[in-house]
Amino acid sequence: MQGTAPGITTIDTRLGGMTGVMAAHLVAAPRPAIVDPGPRTSAPVVREALERLGMGPDDLAWIVLTHVHLDHCGSTGILARAFPRARVVVHRRGARHLAEPARLVAGSVAVYGRRWSLYGLLDRTPADRIDAAEDGHRVPLGDGRDLVMLETPGHARHHMSVLEEGEGAVFAGDAAGVRFPGSGLYPALPPPDIDPEAGDRSLARLADLRPGSLMLGHFGAVADPLGDIDLARRQLAAAAAAVRRHGPGPGLGEAIARALPLEPAVASPAGLARWRALGWAEANVDGLAGWAAAAAAADGPAEPSKTGGGDGTVGAA
């Protein structure tokens, strides 16, 4: 665990047994909240961390999700049982998949392939404990503090970032990409419905907040919030331009690699090892290929892919 903004603690969920891959965040308050508790395989790690931080079974008030990709949400059902007073907050498009997870799990296994066991599955959360959030939804923490749910599509149509107003801290999920410890930033653009243009608009929205702290799902607080948001926008623009030039079809991966090469962006050997172990660079190509195919089919501006769950509920990172 490491400190971030005052009152916020980063918990390493040890996704797949690896450190520095997936971060959950506990917001200390009269009504405490955990943001993105990680995959099902990490549930024991996260529960132990919460207990060390003083969270008894009746203490945790909120489980807040930026989106329902299994690396972020997979432990939700288990933690909801362990903390029976906690309510779960998620984008309205994701709520039904927490209550009835079979479709989400099946689509995710298809996308993850042989790596699905890194994440595990997803236990059902009772529907009456789920708050389906619209843009601007407020999560009361007590003492006049709220978390504010902000729609930030691009990585997924059901993606939300979370603003903690008191400290100006933003939990960006995957909206601003991945920055493993000691590594450079690189985007996360998995299938089925990534949209770099929507992602750019979402990042502009986050920049307008001028966040005092920016927390990434992969991994934790960044040193320069506005600098990373600007870099993430330039990376999305480079990826989108490469897709427009090349179009769908063979060779798209090479075109993306030329426009936005992984190795010099990530730079760190340890970071590159994580990217390769997780297969997320290949997932980016698949996601951008889907976006290119949708654009070609529409013969106009790119639209989200309609594959998978149809509402953006399948994808890595």
C-alpha atoms as a PDB file:
ATOM      1  CA  MET A   1       0.000   0.000   0.000  1.00  0.00           C
ATOM      2  CA  GLN A   2       1.123   3.561  -0.614  1.00  0.00           C
ATOM      3  CA  GLY A   3      -0.238   6.994   0.195  1.00  0.00           C
ATOM      4  CA  THR A   4      -1.734   9.258  -2.471  1.00  0.00           C
ATOM      5  CA  ALA A   5      -3.842  12.351  -1.786  1.00  0.00           C
ATOM      6  CA  PRO A   6      -4.779  12.910   1.871  1.00  0.00           C
ATOM      7  CA  GLY A   7      -7.350  10.376   2.977  1.00  0.00           C
ATOM      8  CA  ILE A   8      -6.820   8.135  -0.065  1.00  0.00           C
ATOM      9  CA  THR A   9      -4.843   4.887   0.110  1.00  0.00           C
ATOM     10  CA  THR A  10      -3.745   2.847  -2.886  1.00  0.00           C
ATOM     11  CA  ILE A  11      -4.046  -0.923  -2.504  1.00  0.00           C
ATOM     12  CA  ASP A  12      -2.038  -3.183  -4.812  1.00  0.00           C
ATOM     13  CA  THR A  13      -4.494  -5.934  -5.751  1.00  0.00           C
ATOM     14  CA  ARG A  14      -1.647  -8.157  -7.044  1.00  0.00           C
ATOM     15  CA  LEU A  15      -3.496  -9.093 -10.219  1.00  0.00           C
ATOM     16  CA  GLY A  16      -2.244 -12.472 -11.414  1.00  0.00           C
ATOM     17  CA  GLY A  17       0.263 -12.480  -8.558  1.00  0.00           C
ATOM     18  CA  MET A  18       2.064  -9.486 -10.065  1.00  0.00           C
ATOM     19  CA  THR A  19       2.767  -6.286  -8.158  1.00  0.00           C
ATOM     20  CA  GLY A  20       2.177  -2.850  -9.611  1.00  0.00           C
ATOM     21  CA  VAL A  21      -0.489  -3.900 -12.127  1.00  0.00           C
ATOM     22  CA  MET A  22      -3.925  -3.140 -10.678  1.00  0.00           C
ATOM     23  CA  ALA A  23      -4.685  -0.472  -8.068  1.00  0.00           C
ATOM     24  CA  ALA A  24      -7.730  -0.195  -5.855  1.00  0.00           C
ATOM     25  CA  HIS A  25      -8.226   2.979  -3.824  1.00  0.00           C
ATOM     26  CA  LEU A  26      -9.783   3.389  -0.397  1.00  0.00           C
ATOM     27  CA  VAL A  27     -11.264   6.805   0.357  1.00  0.00           C
ATOM     28  CA  ALA A  28     -11.329   7.364   4.111  1.00  0.00           C
ATOM     29  CA  ALA A  29     -14.473   9.115   5.326  1.00  0.00           C
ATOM     30  CA  PRO A  30     -17.366   8.610   7.738  1.00  0.00           C
ATOM     31  CA  ARG A  31     -18.839   6.516   4.917  1.00  0.00           C
ATOM     32  CA  PRO A  32     -15.708   4.997   3.327  1.00  0.00           C
ATOM     33  CA  ALA A  33     -15.542   3.950  -0.320  1.00  0.00           C
ATOM     34  CA  ILE A  34     -13.317   1.618  -2.296  1.00  0.00           C
ATOM     35  CA  VAL A  35     -12.876   2.478  -5.972  1.00  0.00           C
ATOM     36  CA  ASP A  36     -12.257  -0.400  -8.433  1.00  0.00           C
ATOM     37  CA  PRO A  37     -11.614  -3.332  -6.066  1.00  0.00           C
ATOM     38  CA  GLY A  38      -9.947  -5.435  -8.765  1.00  0.00           C
ATOM     39  CA  PRO A  39     -10.501  -8.895 -10.223  1.00  0.00           C
ATOM     40  CA  ARG A  40     -12.079 -11.866  -8.473  1.00  0.00           C
ATOM     41  CA  THR A  41      -8.659 -13.480  -8.088  1.00  0.00           C
ATOM     42  CA  SER A  42      -7.592 -10.463  -5.995  1.00  0.00           C
ATOM     43  CA  ALA A  43     -10.548 -10.522  -3.589  1.00  0.00           C
ATOM     44  CA  PRO A  44      -8.598 -12.135  -0.691  1.00  0.00           C
ATOM     45  CA  VAL A  45      -5.762  -9.617  -1.074  1.00  0.00           C
ATOM     46  CA  VAL A  46      -8.135  -6.655  -1.121  1.00  0.00           C
ATOM     47  CA  ARG A  47     -10.195  -7.933   1.797  1.00  0.00           C
ATOM     48  CA  GLU A  48      -7.060  -8.410   3.919  1.00  0.00           C
ATOM     49  CA  ALA A  49      -5.870  -4.908   3.015  1.00  0.00           C
ATOM     50  CA  LEU A  50      -9.209  -3.403   4.005  1.00  0.00           C
ATOM     51  CA  GLU A  51      -9.114  -5.242   7.314  1.00  0.00           C
ATOM     52  CA  ARG A  52      -5.604  -3.897   7.992  1.00  0.00           C
ATOM     53  CA  LEU A  53      -6.933  -0.428   7.261  1.00  0.00           C
ATOM     54  CA  GLY A  54      -9.627  -0.863   9.887  1.00  0.00           C
ATOM     55  CA  MET A  55     -12.584  -1.851   7.729  1.00  0.00           C
ATOM     56  CA  GLY A  56     -14.784  -4.250   9.666  1.00  0.00           C
ATOM     57  CA  PRO A  57     -17.755  -6.004   8.025  1.00  0.00           C
ATOM     58  CA  ASP A  58     -20.116  -3.116   8.814  1.00  0.00           C
ATOM     59  CA  ASP A  59     -17.724  -0.263   8.027  1.00  0.00           C
ATOM     60  CA  LEU A  60     -17.357  -0.088   4.248  1.00  0.00           C
ATOM     61  CA  ALA A  61     -20.182   2.009   2.800  1.00  0.00           C
ATOM     62  CA  TRP A  62     -19.462   2.041  -0.942  1.00  0.00           C
ATOM     63  CA  ILE A  63     -17.927  -0.091  -3.688  1.00  0.00           C
ATOM     64  CA  VAL A  64     -17.492   2.290  -6.633  1.00  0.00           C
ATOM     65  CA  LEU A  65     -16.654   1.046 -10.129  1.00  0.00           C
ATOM     66  CA  THR A  66     -15.244   3.055 -13.009  1.00  0.00           C
ATOM     67  CA  HIS A  67     -16.397   0.318 -15.414  1.00  0.00           C
ATOM     68  CA  VAL A  68     -17.229  -3.372 -15.564  1.00  0.00           C
ATOM     69  CA  HIS A  69     -14.147  -4.927 -17.107  1.00  0.00           C
ATOM     70  CA  LEU A  70     -13.226  -7.888 -14.918  1.00  0.00           C
ATOM     71  CA  ASP A  71      -9.826  -6.548 -13.851  1.00  0.00           C
ATOM     72  CA  HIS A  72     -11.656  -3.633 -12.205  1.00  0.00           C
ATOM     73  CA  CYS A  73     -14.939  -5.159 -11.027  1.00  0.00           C
ATOM     74  CA  GLY A  74     -14.445  -8.920 -10.670  1.00  0.00           C
ATOM     75  CA  SER A  75     -14.167  -8.962  -6.864  1.00  0.00           C
ATOM     76  CA  THR A  76     -17.338  -6.905  -6.383  1.00  0.00           C
ATOM     77  CA  GLY A  77     -19.702  -9.777  -5.616  1.00  0.00           C
ATOM     78  CA  ILE A  78     -17.338 -11.314  -3.055  1.00  0.00           C
ATOM     79  CA  LEU A  79     -16.681  -7.987  -1.339  1.00  0.00           C
ATOM     80  CA  ALA A  80     -20.383  -7.160  -1.309  1.00  0.00           C
ATOM     81  CA  ARG A  81     -20.937 -10.329   0.724  1.00  0.00           C
ATOM     82  CA  ALA A  82     -18.008  -9.557   3.034  1.00  0.00           C
ATOM     83  CA  PHE A  83     -19.232  -5.984   3.622  1.00  0.00           C
ATOM     84  CA  PRO A  84     -23.024  -6.361   3.716  1.00  0.00           C
ATOM     85  CA  ARG A  85     -23.755  -2.665   4.321  1.00  0.00           C
ATOM     86  CA  ALA A  86     -21.816  -1.523   1.237  1.00  0.00           C
ATOM     87  CA  ARG A  87     -23.717  -0.316  -1.795  1.00  0.00           C
ATOM     88  CA  VAL A  88     -22.268  -0.740  -5.294  1.00  0.00           C
ATOM     89  CA  VAL A  89     -22.161   2.256  -7.656  1.00  0.00           C
ATOM     90  CA  VAL A  90     -21.655   1.680 -11.379  1.00  0.00           C
ATOM     91  CA  HIS A  91     -22.613   3.201 -14.730  1.00  0.00           C
ATOM     92  CA  ARG A  92     -26.211   2.462 -15.653  1.00  0.00           C
ATOM     93  CA  ARG A  93     -25.018   0.285 -18.565  1.00  0.00           C
ATOM     94  CA  GLY A  94     -23.013  -1.914 -16.209  1.00  0.00           C
ATOM     95  CA  ALA A  95     -25.571  -2.413 -13.443  1.00  0.00           C
ATOM     96  CA  ARG A  96     -27.418  -5.345 -14.987  1.00  0.00           C
ATOM     97  CA  HIS A  97     -24.173  -7.210 -15.630  1.00  0.00           C
ATOM     98  CA  LEU A  98     -23.305  -7.151 -11.937  1.00  0.00           C
ATOM     99  CA  ALA A  99     -26.736  -8.520 -11.067  1.00  0.00           C
ATOM    100  CA  GLU A 100     -26.683 -11.150 -13.839  1.00  0.00           C
ATOM    101  CA  PRO A 101     -23.023 -11.640 -14.797  1.00  0.00           C
ATOM    102  CA  ALA A 102     -23.199 -14.675 -17.125  1.00  0.00           C
ATOM    103  CA  ARG A 103     -23.146 -12.677 -20.375  1.00  0.00           C
ATOM    104  CA  LEU A 104     -20.335 -10.418 -19.223  1.00  0.00           C
ATOM    105  CA  VAL A 105     -18.251 -13.363 -18.053  1.00  0.00           C
ATOM    106  CA  ALA A 106     -18.754 -15.336 -21.271  1.00  0.00           C
ATOM    107  CA  GLY A 107     -17.779 -12.374 -23.435  1.00  0.00           C
ATOM    108  CA  SER A 108     -14.783 -11.577 -21.254  1.00  0.00           C
ATOM    109  CA  VAL A 109     -13.467 -15.136 -21.403  1.00  0.00           C
ATOM    110  CA  ALA A 110     -13.745 -14.976 -25.192  1.00  0.00           C
ATOM    111  CA  VAL A 111     -11.697 -11.751 -25.277  1.00  0.00           C
ATOM    112  CA  TYR A 112      -9.087 -12.742 -22.685  1.00  0.00           C
ATOM    113  CA  GLY A 113      -8.508 -16.190 -24.177  1.00  0.00           C
ATOM    114  CA  ARG A 114      -5.978 -18.256 -22.281  1.00  0.00           C
ATOM    115  CA  ARG A 115      -5.310 -15.330 -19.921  1.00  0.00           C
ATOM    116  CA  TRP A 116      -8.827 -15.267 -18.442  1.00  0.00           C
ATOM    117  CA  SER A 117      -7.633 -17.146 -15.348  1.00  0.00           C
ATOM    118  CA  LEU A 118      -5.598 -14.074 -14.321  1.00  0.00           C
ATOM    119  CA  TYR A 119      -8.888 -12.319 -13.628  1.00  0.00           C
ATOM    120  CA  GLY A 120     -11.325 -15.030 -12.607  1.00  0.00           C
ATOM    121  CA  LEU A 121     -15.060 -14.772 -13.025  1.00  0.00           C
ATOM    122  CA  LEU A 122     -17.656 -12.562 -11.320  1.00  0.00           C
ATOM    123  CA  ASP A 123     -20.057 -13.399  -8.514  1.00  0.00           C
ATOM    124  CA  ARG A 124     -23.572 -11.991  -8.639  1.00  0.00           C
ATOM    125  CA  THR A 125     -24.356  -8.821  -6.674  1.00  0.00           C
ATOM    126  CA  PRO A 126     -27.978  -8.499  -5.512  1.00  0.00           C
ATOM    127  CA  ALA A 127     -29.755  -5.957  -7.715  1.00  0.00           C
ATOM    128  CA  ASP A 128     -31.200  -4.116  -4.717  1.00  0.00           C
ATOM    129  CA  ARG A 129     -27.668  -3.207  -3.605  1.00  0.00           C
ATOM    130  CA  ILE A 130     -26.633  -1.635  -6.936  1.00  0.00           C
ATOM    131  CA  ASP A 131     -26.956   2.087  -7.714  1.00  0.00           C
ATOM    132  CA  ALA A 132     -27.078   2.618 -11.493  1.00  0.00           C
ATOM    133  CA  ALA A 133     -25.280   5.932 -11.954  1.00  0.00           C
ATOM    134  CA  GLU A 134     -26.027   8.677 -14.449  1.00  0.00           C
ATOM    135  CA  ASP A 135     -23.546  11.431 -15.227  1.00  0.00           C
ATOM    136  CA  GLY A 136     -23.201  13.648 -12.156  1.00  0.00           C
ATOM    137  CA  HIS A 137     -24.408  10.983  -9.702  1.00  0.00           C
ATOM    138  CA  ARG A 138     -23.226  11.774  -6.171  1.00  0.00           C
ATOM    139  CA  VAL A 139     -21.937   9.277  -3.640  1.00  0.00           C
ATOM    140  CA  PRO A 140     -22.150  10.794  -0.134  1.00  0.00           C
ATOM    141  CA  LEU A 141     -19.146  10.135   2.074  1.00  0.00           C
ATOM    142  CA  GLY A 142     -20.342  12.142   5.067  1.00  0.00           C
ATOM    143  CA  ASP A 143     -19.176  15.464   6.531  1.00  0.00           C
ATOM    144  CA  GLY A 144     -20.366  17.207   3.357  1.00  0.00           C
ATOM    145  CA  ARG A 145     -17.989  15.284   1.058  1.00  0.00           C
ATOM    146  CA  ASP A 146     -19.119  13.489  -2.080  1.00  0.00           C
ATOM    147  CA  LEU A 147     -17.693  11.415  -4.869  1.00  0.00           C
ATOM    148  CA  VAL A 148     -19.066  12.549  -8.229  1.00  0.00           C
ATOM    149  CA  MET A 149     -19.487  10.065 -11.079  1.00  0.00           C
ATOM    150  CA  LEU A 150     -18.509  11.544 -14.459  1.00  0.00           C
ATOM    151  CA  GLU A 151     -19.160   9.828 -17.783  1.00  0.00           C
ATOM    152  CA  THR A 152     -15.830   9.441 -19.588  1.00  0.00           C
ATOM    153  CA  PRO A 153     -16.381   7.038 -22.508  1.00  0.00           C
ATOM    154  CA  GLY A 154     -13.650   6.034 -24.930  1.00  0.00           C
ATOM    155  CA  HIS A 155     -12.111   3.027 -23.217  1.00  0.00           C
ATOM    156  CA  ALA A 156     -15.655   1.686 -22.911  1.00  0.00           C
ATOM    157  CA  ARG A 157     -19.119   3.174 -23.335  1.00  0.00           C
ATOM    158  CA  HIS A 158     -19.859   2.419 -19.689  1.00  0.00           C
ATOM    159  CA  HIS A 159     -16.721   4.110 -18.346  1.00  0.00           C
ATOM    160  CA  MET A 160     -16.971   6.713 -15.584  1.00  0.00           C
ATOM    161  CA  SER A 161     -14.277   8.649 -13.785  1.00  0.00           C
ATOM    162  CA  VAL A 162     -14.758   9.543 -10.130  1.00  0.00           C
ATOM    163  CA  LEU A 163     -14.088  12.998  -8.681  1.00  0.00           C
ATOM    164  CA  GLU A 164     -13.438  13.390  -4.959  1.00  0.00           C
ATOM    165  CA  GLU A 165     -14.359  17.036  -4.612  1.00  0.00           C
ATOM    166  CA  GLY A 166     -12.654  17.749  -1.292  1.00  0.00           C
ATOM    167  CA  GLU A 167      -9.116  17.099  -2.531  1.00  0.00           C
ATOM    168  CA  GLY A 168      -9.761  17.520  -6.255  1.00  0.00           C
ATOM    169  CA  ALA A 169      -8.669  13.927  -6.752  1.00  0.00           C
ATOM    170  CA  VAL A 170      -9.782  12.051  -9.878  1.00  0.00           C
ATOM    171  CA  PHE A 171      -9.930   8.276 -10.171  1.00  0.00           C
ATOM    172  CA  ALA A 172      -9.580   7.890 -13.927  1.00  0.00           C
ATOM    173  CA  GLY A 173      -9.954   4.125 -14.287  1.00  0.00           C
ATOM    174  CA  ASP A 174      -8.520   3.464 -17.760  1.00  0.00           C
ATOM    175  CA  ALA A 175      -9.503   6.767 -19.371  1.00  0.00           C
ATOM    176  CA  ALA A 176      -5.932   8.115 -19.272  1.00  0.00           C
ATOM    177  CA  GLY A 177      -4.135   4.857 -20.060  1.00  0.00           C
ATOM    178  CA  VAL A 178      -1.678   2.669 -18.170  1.00  0.00           C
ATOM    179  CA  ARG A 179       1.454   3.747 -16.316  1.00  0.00           C
ATOM    180  CA  PHE A 180       3.051   0.860 -14.466  1.00  0.00           C
ATOM    181  CA  PRO A 181       5.533   1.832 -11.706  1.00  0.00           C
ATOM    182  CA  GLY A 182       8.698   3.254 -13.200  1.00  0.00           C
ATOM    183  CA  SER A 183       7.223   3.050 -16.707  1.00  0.00           C
ATOM    184  CA  GLY A 184       5.881   5.451 -19.293  1.00  0.00           C
ATOM    185  CA  LEU A 185       2.237   5.993 -20.168  1.00  0.00           C
ATOM    186  CA  TYR A 186       0.531   3.957 -22.900  1.00  0.00           C
ATOM    187  CA  PRO A 187      -3.160   3.723 -23.844  1.00  0.00           C
ATOM    188  CA  ALA A 188      -5.530   0.856 -23.069  1.00  0.00           C
ATOM    189  CA  LEU A 189      -7.837   0.353 -26.076  1.00  0.00           C
ATOM    190  CA  PRO A 190      -9.386  -3.126 -25.881  1.00  0.00           C
ATOM    191  CA  PRO A 191     -12.462  -4.486 -27.679  1.00  0.00           C
ATOM    192  CA  PRO A 192     -15.346  -4.311 -28.082  1.00  0.00           C
ATOM    193  CA  ASP A 193     -16.248  -0.620 -28.212  1.00  0.00           C
ATOM    194  CA  ILE A 194     -13.200   1.603 -27.795  1.00  0.00           C
ATOM    195  CA  ASP A 195     -13.523   5.028 -29.374  1.00  0.00           C
ATOM    196  CA  PRO A 196     -10.412   7.269 -29.416  1.00  0.00           C
ATOM    197  CA  GLU A 197     -12.457  10.329 -30.391  1.00  0.00           C
ATOM    198  CA  ALA A 198     -14.790   9.906 -27.422  1.00  0.00           C
ATOM    199  CA  GLY A 199     -11.718   9.211 -25.302  1.00  0.00           C
ATOM    200  CA  ASP A 200     -10.198  12.531 -26.293  1.00  0.00           C
ATOM    201  CA  ARG A 201     -13.368  14.377 -25.303  1.00  0.00           C
ATOM    202  CA  SER A 202     -13.335  12.554 -21.979  1.00  0.00           C
ATOM    203  CA  LEU A 203      -9.725  13.525 -21.336  1.00  0.00           C
ATOM    204  CA  ALA A 204     -10.524  17.141 -22.156  1.00  0.00           C
ATOM    205  CA  ARG A 205     -13.256  16.947 -19.519  1.00  0.00           C
ATOM    206  CA  LEU A 206     -10.783  15.640 -16.959  1.00  0.00           C
ATOM    207  CA  ALA A 207      -8.262  18.356 -17.858  1.00  0.00           C
ATOM    208  CA  ASP A 208     -10.929  20.996 -17.261  1.00  0.00           C
ATOM    209  CA  LEU A 209     -11.206  19.732 -13.676  1.00  0.00           C
ATOM    210  CA  ARG A 210      -7.503  20.554 -13.139  1.00  0.00           C
ATOM    211  CA  PRO A 211      -7.189  17.608 -10.751  1.00  0.00           C
ATOM    212  CA  GLY A 212      -4.881  17.891  -7.792  1.00  0.00           C
ATOM    213  CA  SER A 213      -4.321  14.139  -8.000  1.00  0.00           C
ATOM    214  CA  LEU A 214      -4.908  11.662 -10.816  1.00  0.00           C
ATOM    215  CA  MET A 215      -5.200   7.976  -9.938  1.00  0.00           C
ATOM    216  CA  LEU A 216      -4.987   5.329 -12.658  1.00  0.00           C
ATOM    217  CA  GLY A 217      -6.342   1.826 -12.360  1.00  0.00           C
ATOM    218  CA  HIS A 218      -2.953   0.675 -13.705  1.00  0.00           C
ATOM    219  CA  PHE A 219      -1.250   1.893 -11.519  1.00  0.00           C
ATOM    220  CA  GLY A 220      -1.984   4.514  -8.876  1.00  0.00           C
ATOM    221  CA  ALA A 221      -1.203   8.200  -8.583  1.00  0.00           C
ATOM    222  CA  VAL A 222       0.800   9.953 -11.306  1.00  0.00           C
ATOM    223  CA  ALA A 223       3.342  12.703 -10.693  1.00  0.00           C
ATOM    224  CA  ASP A 224       1.969  15.201 -13.229  1.00  0.00           C
ATOM    225  CA  PRO A 225      -1.816  14.889 -13.679  1.00  0.00           C
ATOM    226  CA  LEU A 226      -2.254  17.499 -16.412  1.00  0.00           C
ATOM    227  CA  GLY A 227       0.919  16.357 -18.169  1.00  0.00           C
ATOM    228  CA  ASP A 228      -0.315  12.774 -18.296  1.00  0.00           C
ATOM    229  CA  ILE A 229      -3.741  13.837 -19.533  1.00  0.00           C
ATOM    230  CA  ASP A 230      -2.101  15.833 -22.328  1.00  0.00           C
ATOM    231  CA  LEU A 231       0.182  12.915 -23.215  1.00  0.00           C
ATOM    232  CA  ALA A 232      -2.787  10.516 -23.219  1.00  0.00           C
ATOM    233  CA  ARG A 233      -4.620  12.808 -25.666  1.00  0.00           C
ATOM    234  CA  ARG A 234      -1.624  12.890 -28.008  1.00  0.00           C
ATOM    235  CA  GLN A 235      -1.298   9.110 -27.856  1.00  0.00           C
ATOM    236  CA  LEU A 236      -4.979   8.617 -28.691  1.00  0.00           C
ATOM    237  CA  ALA A 237      -4.655  11.041 -31.580  1.00  0.00           C
ATOM    238  CA  ALA A 238      -1.639   9.153 -32.945  1.00  0.00           C
ATOM    239  CA  ALA A 239      -3.439   5.803 -32.708  1.00  0.00           C
ATOM    240  CA  ALA A 240      -6.592   7.158 -34.337  1.00  0.00           C
ATOM    241  CA  ALA A 241      -4.626   8.778 -37.168  1.00  0.00           C
ATOM    242  CA  ALA A 242      -2.838   5.498 -37.887  1.00  0.00           C
ATOM    243  CA  VAL A 243      -6.153   3.657 -38.052  1.00  0.00           C
ATOM    244  CA  ARG A 244      -7.659   6.235 -40.408  1.00  0.00           C
ATOM    245  CA  ARG A 245      -4.642   6.050 -42.720  1.00  0.00           C
ATOM    246  CA  HIS A 246      -4.475   2.281 -42.787  1.00  0.00           C
ATOM    247  CA  GLY A 247      -8.080   1.209 -42.357  1.00  0.00           C
ATOM    248  CA  PRO A 248      -9.134  -2.249 -41.168  1.00  0.00           C
ATOM    249  CA  GLY A 249      -7.438  -5.361 -42.415  1.00  0.00           C
ATOM    250  CA  PRO A 250      -4.016  -7.024 -42.412  1.00  0.00           C
ATOM    251  CA  GLY A 251      -1.096  -4.928 -41.267  1.00  0.00           C
ATOM    252  CA  LEU A 252      -3.043  -2.698 -38.894  1.00  0.00           C
ATOM    253  CA  GLY A 253      -0.962  -3.844 -35.930  1.00  0.00           C
ATOM    254  CA  GLU A 254       2.237  -2.830 -37.689  1.00  0.00           C
ATOM    255  CA  ALA A 255       0.730   0.555 -38.600  1.00  0.00           C
ATOM    256  CA  ILE A 256      -0.222   1.194 -34.977  1.00  0.00           C
ATOM    257  CA  ALA A 257       3.218   0.090 -33.776  1.00  0.00           C
ATOM    258  CA  ARG A 258       4.875   2.565 -36.142  1.00  0.00           C
ATOM    259  CA  ALA A 259       2.647   5.443 -35.066  1.00  0.00           C
ATOM    260  CA  LEU A 260       2.698   4.653 -31.361  1.00  0.00           C
ATOM    261  CA  PRO A 261       5.473   2.148 -30.553  1.00  0.00           C
ATOM    262  CA  LEU A 262       5.112   0.372 -27.232  1.00  0.00           C
ATOM    263  CA  GLU A 263       8.764  -0.028 -26.270  1.00  0.00           C
ATOM    264  CA  PRO A 264       9.922   3.615 -26.275  1.00  0.00           C
ATOM    265  CA  ALA A 265       6.660   4.787 -24.694  1.00  0.00           C
ATOM    266  CA  VAL A 266       6.773   2.294 -21.810  1.00  0.00           C
ATOM    267  CA  ALA A 267      10.592   2.359 -21.670  1.00  0.00           C
ATOM    268  CA  SER A 268      10.950   0.221 -18.536  1.00  0.00           C
ATOM    269  CA  PRO A 269      11.882  -3.474 -18.934  1.00  0.00           C
ATOM    270  CA  ALA A 270       9.655  -4.346 -15.986  1.00  0.00           C
ATOM    271  CA  GLY A 271       6.769  -2.412 -17.509  1.00  0.00           C
ATOM    272  CA  LEU A 272       7.232  -4.088 -20.877  1.00  0.00           C
ATOM    273  CA  ALA A 273       7.259  -7.481 -19.173  1.00  0.00           C
ATOM    274  CA  ARG A 274       3.885  -6.661 -17.587  1.00  0.00           C
ATOM    275  CA  TRP A 275       2.406  -5.541 -20.917  1.00  0.00           C
ATOM    276  CA  ARG A 276       3.571  -8.769 -22.573  1.00  0.00           C
ATOM    277  CA  ALA A 277       2.410 -11.035 -19.762  1.00  0.00           C
ATOM    278  CA  LEU A 278      -1.053  -9.457 -19.872  1.00  0.00           C
ATOM    279  CA  GLY A 279      -1.379  -9.307 -23.655  1.00  0.00           C
ATOM    280  CA  TRP A 280      -2.795  -5.801 -23.554  1.00  0.00           C
ATOM    281  CA  ALA A 281      -0.829  -4.500 -26.555  1.00  0.00           C
ATOM    282  CA  GLU A 282      -2.444  -7.186 -28.722  1.00  0.00           C
ATOM    283  CA  ALA A 283      -5.825  -6.279 -27.226  1.00  0.00           C
ATOM    284  CA  ASN A 284      -5.237  -2.674 -28.326  1.00  0.00           C
ATOM    285  CA  VAL A 285      -4.844  -3.825 -31.922  1.00  0.00           C
ATOM    286  CA  ASP A 286      -8.066  -5.842 -31.690  1.00  0.00           C
ATOM    287  CA  GLY A 287      -9.910  -2.891 -30.195  1.00  0.00           C
ATOM    288  CA  LEU A 288      -8.687  -0.438 -32.825  1.00  0.00           C
ATOM    289  CA  ALA A 289      -9.442  -2.956 -35.585  1.00  0.00           C
ATOM    290  CA  GLY A 290     -13.035  -3.090 -34.360  1.00  0.00           C
ATOM    291  CA  TRP A 291     -13.239   0.691 -34.372  1.00  0.00           C
ATOM    292  CA  ALA A 292     -11.799   0.809 -37.907  1.00  0.00           C
ATOM    293  CA  ALA A 293     -14.234  -1.845 -39.148  1.00  0.00           C
ATOM    294  CA  ALA A 294     -17.193   0.014 -37.666  1.00  0.00           C
ATOM    295  CA  ALA A 295     -16.037   3.233 -39.327  1.00  0.00           C
ATOM    296  CA  ALA A 296     -15.607   1.496 -42.677  1.00  0.00           C
ATOM    297  CA  ALA A 297     -19.028  -0.127 -42.433  1.00  0.00           C
ATOM    298  CA  ALA A 298     -20.641   3.201 -41.642  1.00  0.00           C
ATOM    299  CA  ASP A 299     -18.583   4.948 -44.346  1.00  0.00           C
ATOM    300  CA  GLY A 300     -18.346   7.924 -42.005  1.00  0.00           C
ATOM    301  CA  PRO A 301     -17.239   8.899 -38.508  1.00  0.00           C
ATOM    302  CA  ALA A 302     -16.236   5.911 -36.400  1.00  0.00           C
ATOM    303  CA  GLU A 303     -18.911   4.430 -34.193  1.00  0.00           C
ATOM    304  CA  PRO A 304     -18.452   1.982 -31.306  1.00  0.00           C
ATOM    305  CA  SER A 305     -18.283  -1.682 -32.257  1.00  0.00           C
ATOM    306  CA  LYS A 306     -21.450  -3.687 -31.636  1.00  0.00           C
ATOM    307  CA  THR A 307     -19.616  -6.915 -30.859  1.00  0.00           C
ATOM    308  CA  GLY A 308     -19.502  -8.619 -27.485  1.00  0.00           C
ATOM    309  CA  GLY A 309     -22.189  -7.557 -25.005  1.00  0.00           C
ATOM    310  CA  GLY A 310     -23.420  -4.701 -27.191  1.00  0.00           C
ATOM    311  CA  ASP A 311     -22.969  -2.179 -24.405  1.00  0.00           C
ATOM    312  CA  GLY A 312     -19.231  -2.131 -23.898  1.00  0.00           C
ATOM    313  CA  THR A 313     -19.025  -4.745 -21.176  1.00  0.00           C
ATOM    314  CA  VAL A 314     -16.204  -6.890 -22.551  1.00  0.00           C
ATOM    315  CA  GLY A 315     -12.534  -6.002 -22.578  1.00  0.00           C
ATOM    316  CA  ALA A 316      -9.194  -6.170 -20.852  1.00  0.00           C
ATOM    317  CA  ALA A 317      -7.681  -3.351 -18.809  1.00  0.00           C
END
